Amino acid sequence: MKNFTIILCFFIAQQLLAQGNVSIQNAWQQTYLQADAEKPSLGVQSNKAVWVIEKIASSTEVRLKHLASGGYLNAEKDAKFPSIGAIEPGWWSAMWILEPVAGTDQLRLQNKWWSTYLHTESGAVELGTIQPGWASARWKTNPAQHVCLQLPAPNPSTWSPWVAIPSSIILGQVALAFQPWVSKTGRMLR
């Protein structure tokens, strides 16, 4: 095993599914809701498109937290174009009603404050009144995907039992994972 490599897989979904982590796909455009400089946009499924659905205690509403930025989808500053950022706990502008679409696995996202729906009818992510049949106002939640890293084998002369996982991989947060390195003879490398 001269070219020994270590494959380190960590599951974003494993940590997050219990909290309700999902990607949110637009039924019409088949692209995913993501954050781009504090504004929601549509794009491919990636770490930029992972959301945490936070149930609000004693309520049917939820908050949608963007995992990478830690910001919440809200309509505090603009009734038409939502943003992603810090919120106060009681803001109705950051509360969403998940309205199931009958006969499908899709839902509509209605903002509690404005009573308008998140849609992509014009191509951009916006809030507004909708027509009942608009696929642009329909969304599907999918479990968050996992990320796998392939790391090179440790160099015994510079070995450290702590591996820093690049911050871009885990959405803006640096994580340290203890990884004991074992030689091909089964002895711990030092």
N, C-alpha and C. Protein backbone atom coordinates (compact mmCIF):
# COMPACT_ATOMS: atom_id res chain seq x y z
N MET A 1 0.82 -1.18 0.00
CA MET A 1 0.00 0.00 0.00
C MET A 1 0.87 1.25 0.00
N LYS A 2 1.76 1.32 -0.96
CA LYS A 2 2.68 2.44 -1.01
C LYS A 2 1.95 3.76 -1.22
N ASN A 3 1.00 3.75 -2.06
CA ASN A 3 0.24 4.97 -2.33
C ASN A 3 -1.06 4.98 -1.53
N PHE A 4 -0.90 4.68 -0.26
CA PHE A 4 -2.03 4.62 0.65
C PHE A 4 -2.71 5.98 0.74
N THR A 5 -4.00 6.01 0.53
CA THR A 5 -4.76 7.24 0.72
C THR A 5 -5.88 6.96 1.72
N ILE A 6 -6.28 7.98 2.31
CA ILE A 6 -7.37 7.87 3.28
C ILE A 6 -8.56 8.59 2.70
N ILE A 7 -9.64 7.91 2.69
CA ILE A 7 -10.88 8.55 2.25
C ILE A 7 -11.67 8.89 3.51
N LEU A 8 -11.87 10.15 3.67
CA LEU A 8 -12.61 10.63 4.83
C LEU A 8 -13.97 11.11 4.33
N CYS A 9 -14.97 10.40 4.72
CA CYS A 9 -16.32 10.82 4.35
C CYS A 9 -17.02 11.30 5.60
N PHE A 10 -17.55 12.45 5.50
CA PHE A 10 -18.39 12.92 6.59
C PHE A 10 -19.70 13.32 5.96
N PHE A 11 -20.73 13.07 6.68
CA PHE A 11 -22.05 13.28 6.13
C PHE A 11 -22.66 14.54 6.70
N ILE A 12 -22.84 15.52 5.83
CA ILE A 12 -23.58 16.71 6.26
C ILE A 12 -24.98 16.25 6.65
N ALA A 13 -25.51 15.36 5.85
CA ALA A 13 -26.86 14.89 6.13
C ALA A 13 -26.95 14.18 7.47
N GLN A 14 -25.92 13.43 7.85
CA GLN A 14 -25.94 12.71 9.11
C GLN A 14 -26.11 13.67 10.28
N GLN A 15 -25.37 14.75 10.26
CA GLN A 15 -25.46 15.75 11.32
C GLN A 15 -26.78 16.50 11.23
N LEU A 16 -27.26 16.69 10.03
CA LEU A 16 -28.31 17.66 9.82
C LEU A 16 -29.71 17.10 9.61
N LEU A 17 -29.84 15.87 9.13
CA LEU A 17 -31.17 15.36 8.86
C LEU A 17 -32.04 15.36 10.10
N ALA A 18 -31.44 15.10 11.24
CA ALA A 18 -32.21 15.14 12.47
C ALA A 18 -32.75 16.54 12.72
N GLN A 19 -32.08 17.55 12.20
CA GLN A 19 -32.52 18.92 12.36
C GLN A 19 -33.40 19.36 11.20
N GLY A 20 -33.59 18.54 10.19
CA GLY A 20 -34.42 18.89 9.05
C GLY A 20 -33.64 19.55 7.93
N ASN A 21 -32.41 19.13 7.67
CA ASN A 21 -31.59 19.73 6.61
C ASN A 21 -31.97 19.17 5.25
N VAL A 22 -32.19 20.09 4.35
CA VAL A 22 -32.68 19.71 3.03
C VAL A 22 -32.09 20.62 1.96
N SER A 23 -32.25 20.17 0.73
CA SER A 23 -32.10 21.08 -0.41
C SER A 23 -33.54 21.33 -0.88
N ILE A 24 -33.77 22.52 -1.42
CA ILE A 24 -35.12 22.92 -1.82
C ILE A 24 -35.11 23.17 -3.32
N GLN A 25 -35.79 22.30 -4.06
CA GLN A 25 -35.75 22.33 -5.52
C GLN A 25 -37.02 22.96 -6.08
N ASN A 26 -36.85 23.88 -7.03
CA ASN A 26 -37.99 24.50 -7.69
C ASN A 26 -38.55 23.51 -8.72
N ALA A 27 -39.85 23.27 -8.67
CA ALA A 27 -40.47 22.28 -9.56
C ALA A 27 -40.44 22.71 -11.02
N TRP A 28 -40.48 23.99 -11.28
CA TRP A 28 -40.53 24.49 -12.66
C TRP A 28 -39.14 24.53 -13.28
N GLN A 29 -38.19 25.10 -12.59
CA GLN A 29 -36.85 25.27 -13.15
C GLN A 29 -35.93 24.08 -12.89
N GLN A 30 -36.32 23.20 -11.97
CA GLN A 30 -35.50 22.04 -11.59
C GLN A 30 -34.13 22.46 -11.06
N THR A 31 -34.05 23.63 -10.46
CA THR A 31 -32.83 24.11 -9.83
C THR A 31 -33.10 24.31 -8.35
N TYR A 32 -32.05 24.59 -7.60
CA TYR A 32 -32.14 24.59 -6.15
C TYR A 32 -32.02 25.99 -5.55
N LEU A 33 -32.79 26.22 -4.51
CA LEU A 33 -32.73 27.48 -3.78
C LEU A 33 -31.39 27.53 -3.04
N GLN A 34 -30.66 28.61 -3.25
CA GLN A 34 -29.37 28.77 -2.60
C GLN A 34 -29.18 30.23 -2.21
N ALA A 35 -28.10 30.50 -1.51
CA ALA A 35 -27.79 31.87 -1.10
C ALA A 35 -26.62 32.37 -1.91
N ASP A 36 -26.73 33.61 -2.34
CA ASP A 36 -25.66 34.25 -3.10
C ASP A 36 -25.55 35.69 -2.61
N ALA A 37 -24.58 35.95 -1.74
CA ALA A 37 -24.37 37.30 -1.19
C ALA A 37 -25.63 37.85 -0.52
N GLU A 38 -26.18 37.08 0.39
CA GLU A 38 -27.36 37.45 1.17
C GLU A 38 -28.65 37.57 0.35
N LYS A 39 -28.62 37.05 -0.87
CA LYS A 39 -29.83 37.04 -1.69
C LYS A 39 -30.09 35.60 -2.14
N PRO A 40 -31.35 35.19 -2.13
CA PRO A 40 -31.64 33.85 -2.64
C PRO A 40 -31.51 33.83 -4.16
N SER A 41 -31.03 32.72 -4.66
CA SER A 41 -30.92 32.53 -6.10
C SER A 41 -31.18 31.06 -6.39
N LEU A 42 -31.13 30.71 -7.66
CA LEU A 42 -31.30 29.32 -8.06
C LEU A 42 -29.99 28.82 -8.64
N GLY A 43 -29.67 27.56 -8.39
CA GLY A 43 -28.44 26.98 -8.92
C GLY A 43 -28.46 25.47 -8.81
N VAL A 44 -27.31 24.89 -9.05
CA VAL A 44 -27.17 23.44 -8.98
C VAL A 44 -27.13 23.00 -7.52
N GLN A 45 -27.39 21.72 -7.31
CA GLN A 45 -27.33 21.20 -5.95
C GLN A 45 -25.88 21.21 -5.48
N SER A 46 -25.63 21.91 -4.38
CA SER A 46 -24.28 22.04 -3.83
C SER A 46 -24.39 22.41 -2.36
N ASN A 47 -23.25 22.67 -1.75
CA ASN A 47 -23.25 23.10 -0.35
C ASN A 47 -23.93 24.45 -0.18
N LYS A 48 -24.02 25.24 -1.26
CA LYS A 48 -24.70 26.54 -1.20
C LYS A 48 -26.22 26.37 -1.15
N ALA A 49 -26.69 25.14 -1.39
CA ALA A 49 -28.12 24.90 -1.47
C ALA A 49 -28.63 24.00 -0.34
N VAL A 50 -27.97 24.05 0.82
CA VAL A 50 -28.40 23.24 1.96
C VAL A 50 -29.07 24.16 2.99
N TRP A 51 -30.26 23.76 3.39
CA TRP A 51 -31.08 24.55 4.31
C TRP A 51 -31.46 23.71 5.52
N VAL A 52 -31.67 24.35 6.62
CA VAL A 52 -32.17 23.70 7.83
C VAL A 52 -33.60 24.20 8.03
N ILE A 53 -34.52 23.27 8.12
CA ILE A 53 -35.91 23.63 8.41
C ILE A 53 -36.06 23.61 9.93
N GLU A 54 -36.25 24.79 10.50
CA GLU A 54 -36.39 24.91 11.95
C GLU A 54 -37.86 25.08 12.32
N LYS A 55 -38.39 24.12 13.02
CA LYS A 55 -39.77 24.18 13.50
C LYS A 55 -39.85 25.22 14.60
N ILE A 56 -40.84 26.06 14.53
CA ILE A 56 -41.06 27.08 15.56
C ILE A 56 -41.98 26.48 16.62
N ALA A 57 -41.55 26.51 17.87
CA ALA A 57 -42.31 25.92 18.96
C ALA A 57 -43.73 26.48 19.01
N SER A 58 -44.69 25.61 19.29
CA SER A 58 -46.11 25.98 19.43
C SER A 58 -46.64 26.69 18.19
N SER A 59 -46.19 26.26 17.01
CA SER A 59 -46.60 26.92 15.77
C SER A 59 -46.54 25.92 14.62
N THR A 60 -47.25 26.22 13.56
CA THR A 60 -47.15 25.39 12.35
C THR A 60 -46.12 25.96 11.37
N GLU A 61 -45.60 27.16 11.67
CA GLU A 61 -44.62 27.79 10.79
C GLU A 61 -43.22 27.25 11.04
N VAL A 62 -42.35 27.54 10.08
CA VAL A 62 -40.94 27.15 10.18
C VAL A 62 -40.07 28.35 9.81
N ARG A 63 -38.80 28.25 10.12
CA ARG A 63 -37.79 29.18 9.62
C ARG A 63 -36.91 28.38 8.69
N LEU A 64 -36.41 29.03 7.65
CA LEU A 64 -35.51 28.39 6.71
C LEU A 64 -34.13 29.00 6.89
N LYS A 65 -33.24 28.22 7.48
CA LYS A 65 -31.88 28.70 7.77
C LYS A 65 -30.92 28.17 6.72
N HIS A 66 -30.19 29.07 6.10
CA HIS A 66 -29.18 28.68 5.12
C HIS A 66 -27.97 28.17 5.89
N LEU A 67 -27.60 26.92 5.64
CA LEU A 67 -26.57 26.29 6.45
C LEU A 67 -25.20 26.96 6.31
N ALA A 68 -24.81 27.29 5.11
CA ALA A 68 -23.47 27.85 4.89
C ALA A 68 -23.30 29.21 5.53
N SER A 69 -24.28 30.06 5.42
CA SER A 69 -24.15 31.43 5.93
C SER A 69 -24.69 31.59 7.35
N GLY A 70 -25.60 30.71 7.74
CA GLY A 70 -26.24 30.85 9.04
C GLY A 70 -27.37 31.86 9.02
N GLY A 71 -27.62 32.48 7.86
CA GLY A 71 -28.69 33.46 7.73
C GLY A 71 -30.03 32.80 7.45
N TYR A 72 -31.09 33.55 7.66
CA TYR A 72 -32.45 33.04 7.46
C TYR A 72 -33.10 33.71 6.26
N LEU A 73 -33.88 32.93 5.52
CA LEU A 73 -34.67 33.48 4.43
C LEU A 73 -35.76 34.35 5.05
N ASN A 74 -35.83 35.61 4.62
CA ASN A 74 -36.79 36.53 5.22
C ASN A 74 -37.21 37.60 4.22
N ALA A 75 -38.29 38.29 4.57
CA ALA A 75 -38.82 39.38 3.74
C ALA A 75 -38.92 40.65 4.56
N GLU A 76 -37.98 40.87 5.45
CA GLU A 76 -38.02 42.02 6.35
C GLU A 76 -37.78 43.34 5.61
N LYS A 77 -36.85 43.35 4.66
CA LYS A 77 -36.46 44.59 3.99
C LYS A 77 -37.25 44.88 2.72
N ASP A 78 -37.82 43.84 2.12
CA ASP A 78 -38.47 44.01 0.82
C ASP A 78 -39.61 43.02 0.71
N ALA A 79 -40.79 43.49 0.34
CA ALA A 79 -41.96 42.63 0.21
C ALA A 79 -41.91 41.77 -1.05
N LYS A 80 -41.09 42.14 -2.04
CA LYS A 80 -41.03 41.39 -3.29
C LYS A 80 -39.80 40.50 -3.39
N PHE A 81 -38.66 41.01 -2.95
CA PHE A 81 -37.42 40.24 -3.09
C PHE A 81 -36.88 39.87 -1.72
N PRO A 82 -36.98 38.59 -1.35
CA PRO A 82 -36.51 38.17 -0.03
C PRO A 82 -34.99 38.26 0.07
N SER A 83 -34.51 38.22 1.30
CA SER A 83 -33.07 38.23 1.53
C SER A 83 -32.72 37.12 2.51
N ILE A 84 -31.42 36.96 2.74
CA ILE A 84 -30.93 35.95 3.68
C ILE A 84 -30.00 36.67 4.65
N GLY A 85 -30.32 36.60 5.93
CA GLY A 85 -29.49 37.29 6.90
C GLY A 85 -29.94 37.04 8.32
N ALA A 86 -29.38 37.83 9.23
CA ALA A 86 -29.72 37.72 10.64
C ALA A 86 -31.16 38.19 10.87
N ILE A 87 -31.81 37.56 11.82
CA ILE A 87 -33.19 37.91 12.13
C ILE A 87 -33.37 38.01 13.64
N GLU A 88 -34.51 38.52 14.04
CA GLU A 88 -34.93 38.49 15.44
C GLU A 88 -35.92 37.33 15.58
N PRO A 89 -35.96 36.68 16.75
CA PRO A 89 -36.80 35.49 16.92
C PRO A 89 -38.28 35.67 16.57
N GLY A 90 -38.86 36.82 16.83
CA GLY A 90 -40.29 36.99 16.59
C GLY A 90 -40.68 37.51 15.22
N TRP A 91 -39.73 37.71 14.34
CA TRP A 91 -40.04 38.28 13.02
C TRP A 91 -40.94 37.36 12.21
N TRP A 92 -42.11 37.83 11.88
CA TRP A 92 -42.99 37.09 10.99
C TRP A 92 -42.41 37.04 9.58
N SER A 93 -41.61 38.01 9.23
CA SER A 93 -41.02 38.05 7.89
C SER A 93 -40.06 36.89 7.63
N ALA A 94 -39.63 36.22 8.70
CA ALA A 94 -38.74 35.07 8.56
C ALA A 94 -39.46 33.76 8.87
N MET A 95 -40.78 33.81 8.94
CA MET A 95 -41.57 32.61 9.20
C MET A 95 -42.28 32.19 7.91
N TRP A 96 -42.30 30.89 7.69
CA TRP A 96 -42.84 30.34 6.45
C TRP A 96 -43.85 29.25 6.76
N ILE A 97 -44.90 29.22 5.96
CA ILE A 97 -45.90 28.17 6.05
C ILE A 97 -45.62 27.21 4.90
N LEU A 98 -45.41 25.94 5.24
CA LEU A 98 -45.18 24.91 4.22
C LEU A 98 -46.54 24.36 3.82
N GLU A 99 -47.01 24.78 2.66
CA GLU A 99 -48.36 24.44 2.20
C GLU A 99 -48.26 23.30 1.18
N PRO A 100 -48.70 22.09 1.53
CA PRO A 100 -48.61 20.97 0.59
C PRO A 100 -49.46 21.21 -0.66
N VAL A 101 -48.96 20.76 -1.81
CA VAL A 101 -49.71 20.81 -3.06
C VAL A 101 -50.39 19.45 -3.21
N ALA A 102 -51.71 19.45 -3.22
CA ALA A 102 -52.49 18.21 -3.25
C ALA A 102 -52.07 17.30 -4.40
N GLY A 103 -51.93 16.01 -4.08
CA GLY A 103 -51.63 15.01 -5.09
C GLY A 103 -50.18 14.97 -5.54
N THR A 104 -49.29 15.72 -4.87
CA THR A 104 -47.87 15.75 -5.25
C THR A 104 -47.01 15.64 -4.00
N ASP A 105 -45.71 15.55 -4.22
CA ASP A 105 -44.75 15.60 -3.11
C ASP A 105 -44.15 17.01 -3.01
N GLN A 106 -44.84 17.98 -3.55
CA GLN A 106 -44.36 19.36 -3.59
C GLN A 106 -45.10 20.22 -2.57
N LEU A 107 -44.56 21.42 -2.36
CA LEU A 107 -45.18 22.35 -1.44
C LEU A 107 -44.98 23.78 -1.92
N ARG A 108 -45.77 24.66 -1.37
CA ARG A 108 -45.60 26.10 -1.61
C ARG A 108 -45.04 26.70 -0.33
N LEU A 109 -44.23 27.73 -0.47
CA LEU A 109 -43.65 28.42 0.68
C LEU A 109 -44.32 29.79 0.81
N GLN A 110 -45.17 29.92 1.80
CA GLN A 110 -45.89 31.18 2.01
C GLN A 110 -45.26 31.94 3.17
N ASN A 111 -44.94 33.21 2.92
CA ASN A 111 -44.39 34.05 3.97
C ASN A 111 -45.50 34.47 4.92
N LYS A 112 -45.28 34.29 6.21
CA LYS A 112 -46.32 34.59 7.20
C LYS A 112 -46.66 36.08 7.25
N TRP A 113 -45.66 36.94 7.16
CA TRP A 113 -45.89 38.38 7.31
C TRP A 113 -46.68 38.95 6.13
N TRP A 114 -46.25 38.64 4.92
CA TRP A 114 -46.86 39.23 3.72
C TRP A 114 -47.98 38.38 3.14
N SER A 115 -48.09 37.11 3.55
CA SER A 115 -49.06 36.17 2.99
C SER A 115 -48.87 35.99 1.49
N THR A 116 -47.65 36.14 1.02
CA THR A 116 -47.31 35.92 -0.39
C THR A 116 -46.41 34.69 -0.49
N TYR A 117 -46.24 34.23 -1.72
CA TYR A 117 -45.54 32.97 -1.95
C TYR A 117 -44.19 33.17 -2.62
N LEU A 118 -43.26 32.30 -2.27
CA LEU A 118 -41.95 32.29 -2.93
C LEU A 118 -42.13 31.63 -4.29
N HIS A 119 -41.67 32.30 -5.35
CA HIS A 119 -41.82 31.75 -6.70
C HIS A 119 -40.68 32.23 -7.59
N THR A 120 -40.63 31.66 -8.80
CA THR A 120 -39.58 32.00 -9.77
C THR A 120 -40.19 32.32 -11.14
N GLU A 121 -41.40 32.83 -11.16
CA GLU A 121 -42.11 33.06 -12.42
C GLU A 121 -41.32 33.95 -13.38
N SER A 122 -40.62 34.95 -12.88
CA SER A 122 -39.84 35.85 -13.75
C SER A 122 -38.41 35.36 -13.95
N GLY A 123 -38.07 34.24 -13.34
CA GLY A 123 -36.70 33.72 -13.43
C GLY A 123 -35.89 33.98 -12.18
N ALA A 124 -36.27 35.01 -11.41
CA ALA A 124 -35.60 35.33 -10.15
C ALA A 124 -36.44 34.79 -8.99
N VAL A 125 -35.80 34.61 -7.85
CA VAL A 125 -36.52 34.20 -6.65
C VAL A 125 -37.20 35.44 -6.08
N GLU A 126 -38.53 35.39 -5.98
CA GLU A 126 -39.26 36.54 -5.47
C GLU A 126 -40.51 36.10 -4.74
N LEU A 127 -41.14 37.06 -4.08
CA LEU A 127 -42.40 36.85 -3.38
C LEU A 127 -43.52 37.56 -4.12
N GLY A 128 -44.71 36.95 -4.11
CA GLY A 128 -45.85 37.60 -4.73
C GLY A 128 -47.07 36.72 -4.70
N THR A 129 -48.16 37.26 -5.24
CA THR A 129 -49.36 36.45 -5.39
C THR A 129 -49.12 35.50 -6.56
N ILE A 130 -49.75 34.36 -6.52
CA ILE A 130 -49.52 33.34 -7.54
C ILE A 130 -50.84 32.83 -8.09
N GLN A 131 -50.75 32.17 -9.23
CA GLN A 131 -51.88 31.45 -9.79
C GLN A 131 -51.81 30.01 -9.29
N PRO A 132 -52.95 29.36 -9.08
CA PRO A 132 -52.94 28.02 -8.50
C PRO A 132 -52.09 26.99 -9.26
N GLY A 133 -52.01 27.09 -10.56
CA GLY A 133 -51.28 26.09 -11.33
C GLY A 133 -49.80 26.37 -11.54
N TRP A 134 -49.28 27.47 -11.04
CA TRP A 134 -47.89 27.83 -11.29
C TRP A 134 -46.91 26.80 -10.71
N ALA A 135 -46.17 26.16 -11.58
CA ALA A 135 -45.10 25.27 -11.12
C ALA A 135 -43.94 26.09 -10.55
N SER A 136 -43.85 27.36 -10.93
CA SER A 136 -42.78 28.22 -10.44
C SER A 136 -42.91 28.51 -8.94
N ALA A 137 -44.08 28.24 -8.38
CA ALA A 137 -44.30 28.46 -6.94
C ALA A 137 -44.34 27.14 -6.18
N ARG A 138 -43.90 26.08 -6.84
CA ARG A 138 -43.88 24.76 -6.19
C ARG A 138 -42.44 24.36 -5.92
N TRP A 139 -42.24 23.77 -4.76
CA TRP A 139 -40.91 23.39 -4.31
C TRP A 139 -40.93 21.97 -3.78
N LYS A 140 -39.81 21.31 -3.90
CA LYS A 140 -39.67 19.95 -3.38
C LYS A 140 -38.46 19.92 -2.47
N THR A 141 -38.62 19.33 -1.29
CA THR A 141 -37.48 19.20 -0.39
C THR A 141 -36.85 17.83 -0.57
N ASN A 142 -35.53 17.82 -0.59
CA ASN A 142 -34.75 16.59 -0.73
C ASN A 142 -33.76 16.53 0.42
N PRO A 143 -33.47 15.33 0.95
CA PRO A 143 -32.46 15.24 2.01
C PRO A 143 -31.13 15.83 1.54
N ALA A 144 -30.41 16.47 2.46
CA ALA A 144 -29.11 17.06 2.13
C ALA A 144 -28.16 15.95 1.70
N GLN A 145 -27.29 16.27 0.75
CA GLN A 145 -26.31 15.31 0.25
C GLN A 145 -25.09 15.30 1.15
N HIS A 146 -24.34 14.20 1.11
CA HIS A 146 -23.12 14.13 1.89
C HIS A 146 -21.93 14.56 1.05
N VAL A 147 -20.87 14.91 1.72
CA VAL A 147 -19.64 15.34 1.07
C VAL A 147 -18.55 14.37 1.46
N CYS A 148 -17.80 13.88 0.49
CA CYS A 148 -16.68 12.99 0.77
C CYS A 148 -15.39 13.68 0.36
N LEU A 149 -14.38 13.51 1.18
CA LEU A 149 -13.07 14.08 0.88
C LEU A 149 -12.08 12.95 0.71
N GLN A 150 -11.20 13.07 -0.24
CA GLN A 150 -10.11 12.12 -0.35
C GLN A 150 -8.85 12.87 0.04
N LEU A 151 -8.24 12.42 1.13
CA LEU A 151 -7.05 13.07 1.65
C LEU A 151 -5.84 12.21 1.36
N PRO A 152 -4.69 12.82 1.10
CA PRO A 152 -3.48 12.03 0.87
C PRO A 152 -3.05 11.34 2.16
N ALA A 153 -2.26 10.28 2.02
CA ALA A 153 -1.73 9.58 3.18
C ALA A 153 -0.87 10.54 3.99
N PRO A 154 -0.83 10.38 5.29
CA PRO A 154 -0.04 11.28 6.12
C PRO A 154 1.45 11.10 5.88
N ASN A 155 2.17 12.18 6.00
CA ASN A 155 3.63 12.15 5.91
C ASN A 155 4.15 11.93 7.32
N PRO A 156 4.80 10.78 7.61
CA PRO A 156 5.24 10.50 8.98
C PRO A 156 6.15 11.57 9.57
N SER A 157 6.90 12.29 8.74
CA SER A 157 7.80 13.31 9.28
C SER A 157 7.06 14.57 9.72
N THR A 158 5.87 14.78 9.20
CA THR A 158 5.10 15.97 9.58
C THR A 158 3.73 15.59 10.13
N TRP A 159 3.62 14.37 10.61
CA TRP A 159 2.34 13.84 11.04
C TRP A 159 1.75 14.61 12.20
N SER A 160 0.46 14.78 12.15
CA SER A 160 -0.31 15.32 13.26
C SER A 160 -1.61 14.52 13.32
N PRO A 161 -2.07 14.18 14.50
CA PRO A 161 -3.31 13.40 14.57
C PRO A 161 -4.55 14.21 14.27
N TRP A 162 -4.40 15.51 14.06
CA TRP A 162 -5.54 16.36 13.78
C TRP A 162 -5.52 16.78 12.33
N VAL A 163 -6.62 16.59 11.68
CA VAL A 163 -6.75 16.94 10.28
C VAL A 163 -7.69 18.13 10.19
N ALA A 164 -7.24 19.21 9.60
CA ALA A 164 -8.13 20.35 9.40
C ALA A 164 -8.84 20.17 8.08
N ILE A 165 -10.14 20.15 8.11
CA ILE A 165 -10.93 20.01 6.90
C ILE A 165 -11.13 21.40 6.33
N PRO A 166 -10.86 21.60 5.03
CA PRO A 166 -10.96 22.94 4.45
C PRO A 166 -12.33 23.57 4.71
N SER A 167 -12.31 24.84 5.03
CA SER A 167 -13.55 25.52 5.39
C SER A 167 -14.55 25.55 4.24
N SER A 168 -14.08 25.60 3.01
CA SER A 168 -15.00 25.63 1.88
C SER A 168 -15.79 24.34 1.76
N ILE A 169 -15.24 23.26 2.31
CA ILE A 169 -15.92 21.98 2.21
C ILE A 169 -17.08 21.91 3.18
N ILE A 170 -16.93 22.44 4.37
CA ILE A 170 -18.03 22.34 5.31
C ILE A 170 -18.66 23.69 5.59
N LEU A 171 -18.86 24.39 4.51
CA LEU A 171 -19.75 25.51 4.51
C LEU A 171 -19.34 26.64 5.43
N GLY A 172 -18.09 27.03 5.34
CA GLY A 172 -17.66 28.20 6.07
C GLY A 172 -17.24 27.95 7.50
N GLN A 173 -17.25 26.72 7.94
CA GLN A 173 -16.82 26.41 9.29
C GLN A 173 -15.65 25.45 9.21
N VAL A 174 -14.62 25.67 10.00
CA VAL A 174 -13.48 24.75 10.03
C VAL A 174 -13.76 23.70 11.08
N ALA A 175 -13.60 22.46 10.70
CA ALA A 175 -13.79 21.37 11.65
C ALA A 175 -12.49 20.61 11.79
N LEU A 176 -12.25 20.10 12.95
CA LEU A 176 -11.09 19.26 13.17
C LEU A 176 -11.59 17.85 13.44
N ALA A 177 -10.99 16.90 12.76
CA ALA A 177 -11.38 15.52 12.95
C ALA A 177 -10.16 14.73 13.40
N PHE A 178 -10.27 14.04 14.52
CA PHE A 178 -9.15 13.24 14.99
C PHE A 178 -9.05 12.02 14.11
N GLN A 179 -7.90 11.79 13.55
CA GLN A 179 -7.70 10.67 12.64
C GLN A 179 -6.40 9.97 13.00
N PRO A 180 -6.44 8.88 13.75
CA PRO A 180 -5.20 8.18 14.05
C PRO A 180 -4.70 7.47 12.80
N TRP A 181 -3.46 7.69 12.46
CA TRP A 181 -2.88 7.08 11.28
C TRP A 181 -2.26 5.75 11.66
N VAL A 182 -2.51 4.76 10.88
CA VAL A 182 -2.00 3.42 11.15
C VAL A 182 -1.17 3.00 9.95
N SER A 183 0.02 2.45 10.23
CA SER A 183 0.89 2.00 9.15
C SER A 183 0.35 0.69 8.60
N LYS A 184 0.96 0.23 7.50
CA LYS A 184 0.49 -1.02 6.89
C LYS A 184 0.79 -2.22 7.79
N THR A 185 1.65 -2.07 8.79
CA THR A 185 1.92 -3.16 9.73
C THR A 185 0.95 -3.12 10.91
N GLY A 186 0.11 -2.11 10.95
CA GLY A 186 -0.86 -2.00 12.02
C GLY A 186 -0.38 -1.17 13.19
N ARG A 187 0.82 -0.60 13.11
CA ARG A 187 1.35 0.23 14.19
C ARG A 187 0.93 1.68 13.98
N MET A 188 0.69 2.35 15.09
CA MET A 188 0.33 3.76 15.04
C MET A 188 1.53 4.57 14.60
N LEU A 189 1.33 5.46 13.61
CA LEU A 189 2.40 6.35 13.17
C LEU A 189 2.51 7.50 14.15
N ARG A 190 3.72 8.00 14.36
CA ARG A 190 3.92 9.11 15.30
C ARG A 190 4.60 10.25 14.62
